Amino acid sequence: MKKSAFLVFSSIFLLASCNTKSDKPKTEAAEATETAAVVTKTTPQKTTANDAAKILSKKEVPILCYHNIKELKAGDGEMTKTYTVSPANFAQQMKALSDAGYHSILPNQLYDYLVYDAPLPSNPVMITFDDTRGEQFSIGAAEMKKYGFKGVFFVMTVSINRPGYLSKEQIKSLSDSGNVVAAHTWDHHMVTKYAGDDWNTQLVKPKAKLEEIIGKPVTYFAYPFGLWNKAAIPEIKKSGYQMAYILATKRDSVNPLYTIRRIIVAGQWSTPSTMEAIKSSFY
């Protein structure tokens, strides 16, 4: 009987002890656990890259695409005229962007804005270059540097070190000075025509070659001629690219990160026309 009474009393005492706050100081481990729990409750969840509707609802950032920066020659056709901006006009356009309060951004900033709601500087603009032309380094990057602008250089690797095109040393210098080096296939064939080993030749190998040159990951891609189809997007993802850039056509409703819009700055445009095109195309 005494033994039963003792067991009942002991149980009551233990229950009361469990429900009473201890006066002993908490261990560091316990405090860390509680802090982590608070952080977990208060930290907002990031948007996933698959949230297409949210990405598409965001205000687009103006993205300019340049090709040749040189003087035209007698007899140059209309296509060449469209894809060629004179050095004087390019200089005027960079000054106009600066005077208007534009700030250049890079793809990682755009990605974080679209996916994670990260803030952008006021009047953001992205300045991109296609096709590996040598004057993009000697004129383009040099002119942008005057205004603190950085750009994105989409390189087709077949052209590296050829006369009139970017050298390995120039590509490395562009990357080291804060610009972004990105892929533009091996030899500029249309993505819509790829089959079999073309994906490896045009997507995987150029990425690896550029990474070897700059010593950094290459995670952005531009479609030759801006042409794409839905079949290409899984292959681009599989090859390790985080975003892909088209030209002025409509973005994909399912994969907007792989159809980022740009506009070609036409050689026939004046500087005021270029500034107006930015507003009409993206605002």
Foldseek 3Di string as FASTA:
>chain_A
DVVVVVVVVVVVVVVVVVVDDDPDDDDPVVVVVVVVVVCVVPDDDWAALQPLVQLVPDFAAAEEEAEAADDDDPPDDPVVQFRYAYLVQLLVLLVVCVVVPEAEDAPVQVVCCSTGVDDDDPRYYAYEYEEFFPCCQVRVVVSNVVRPHAHEYAYQQLCEPPPRGHHLVSLLVSVVVPHHYAYEFNPLDALVPDDDCSLCRGQQVVQVVSCVSNVDGHAEYEGRQLDDDPVCVVSSVVSRHDAYEGEQDDADSRNNRPYRYHYYRTNPDGSVRVVVCSVVRRD
